[in-house]
Amino acid sequence: MDNIRENSISQPQKPYRYIYWVQRAMILFSVMTLFLPAFFPARVTDKISKYCSLFTAAVSYDNLTANIGLGFRYISGLTFRLIQFAGIAIIIGVVLAGIGGCMSLGNNKMRFKGAIFPMIGSLFMGLGSILSHASFGRFKRELEAAGKKLGALEPKSNINFFLIFGIVLLIITGILFVSELKTEKEPRMEMQEKFKLFLYILPILMLSFVFSYLPLWGWRYAFFDYRAGADLTADRFVGFKWFTYLFSNEMNRLDILRVIKNTLAMSSLGILTSWLPIAFAIFLSEIRSTGFRKSVQILTTIPNFISWVLVYAIAFAFFSTEGFVNDIIELFTQRIADANYLQNDELSWIKMLAWGTWKGLGWSAIIYIAAISGVDQSLYEAAMVDGAGRFKRMWHITVPALIPTYCVMLMLSIANILSNGMEQYLVFSNSINKDTLEVLDLYVYNLGIVNSGGGTMIPLSTVVSMAKSLISIFLLFIANNVSKTIRGESII
């Protein structure tokens, strides 16, 4: 029945179907240009940061004018406000176009109504371009009135990009709008289920692209003799210098071996205790009182949303020299207790595992609780008829039902064995326990930011980060092959 309904949802005719895909591609590209500084249409002066994108200029006036300085005190604030308003107008236009692009995946009625949004959005893009031109004009006039020539720039070709882009988008959408006028409209707006699912996951895909894939462009620093704040120019290109330096320097080799040992130890402890969320989820599901079960689940899930800074504050309140534990010891033993359990390096790995387990146990159990809710209840009823007790039902029904989910999570943990984060180890590390708590992610941070010596070690930290990412991908494929061999199913 669902397939019949899916097939009944109208689709555009073949010539217009291709035009729709062109429109969607244009809209997707316009979203990307919001975050690319090269497409910033109103850089009226070279004093505006070259890393300032249209989105940055629109949402933050302070970032737009951060490098202007007192030399531009004779330039009115309205000039830069026009730049910001231009960015806001273009962003509104892109958002409206995006709404129309999403609605174009629906039936005739949805496509017809959705065509209105890109047309309005293209007008906003044109308005933004006009405001960009106005900001250039005001800037030049104010410079000439003051008799100054400080960093003025001639309008670049990209100032007309969104104007031309908006005109083309308006023409294409107009053609599609006219084509939809001729079609018979359905009584209600509908969309195929596959497109609905795609739109649900689209924000996640966009966030993944912006925060996971777009930063890979920074890998180019590994091939340059780069210093923080400098430009990447041809004379700074050094090829594989930093790759060879990483392994040719004995101190670097010793540091890498030390942090890899810490990383593998922490990750291995996490893998060895990865069964704890399963046990917690099973025992939680066996609690008969609904109110008590929900209370326990909420209280054990909340720590996941607490930052590691606050977790360290809690640890400091309990385990510092003047903490709660020492106060209890003094109360019962009548002697001065000044042990600092946070600074010493005894059992550092175990302590980090304990804090990580406390923080993430409830959250990690959610996926297993969802899996338990999907187990066929008739299996439990049949087991009860056969005389199986509670623990036998747990062991022979619940546990086997969770094994496939556990195997997938275990394989992913093995693939990410070199990526165990840095926030926890950053806040808990100090000069005493640093050697045992510095994992690979924290080492990259310390090497590139903290101990960089003016930013000279950024290329070397980039090399280490690249190696970690490539090894993680290699481990992911190994884990995937192991999963196919053992379970007959792939995890990716």
Foldseek 3Di string as FASTA:
>chain_A
DLVVVLVPFAADDDVLNVLLVVLLVLLVVLVVQQQQLVLLQAPQFPQQDSNQGLVNLQPDVCSRCVRVPPVVVLQDPVLSVLSNQLSVLLVQLSVLSVQLSLQNQWGLVSNLVSLVSNLVSLVSLLVSLVSSVVSNVSVVVSCVVVVHDHGGDDRDPSSCVSNVSSVVSNVSSVVVNVVSVPDDDDPDIGHRPVSVVCVVCVVVVVVCCVPPVVCVVVLVLLQFQDFPPDDDDPVRGRGNPLVCVCPVDPVNVVLVVLQAVLLLLLLVVCLVCVCLLVVVLLVLVPDPDPVVSVVVLVVQQVLLVDFLLVVVVVVCQDAAQPHPVQVVCCVVVVDHGRDRPLAAQPPVSVVLVVSVCSRCSSVSNPVLNVLQVPFDVVVVVVCVVVPDDPVRCCVVGSVVSCVVVSLLVSLLSQLLSLDPDDRNLVNSDDPNNCSNSNHLVNVLCCCQPVVVPRRSRPSNSSSSVVVSVVSSVVSSVVSQVVCCVPVVDGSD
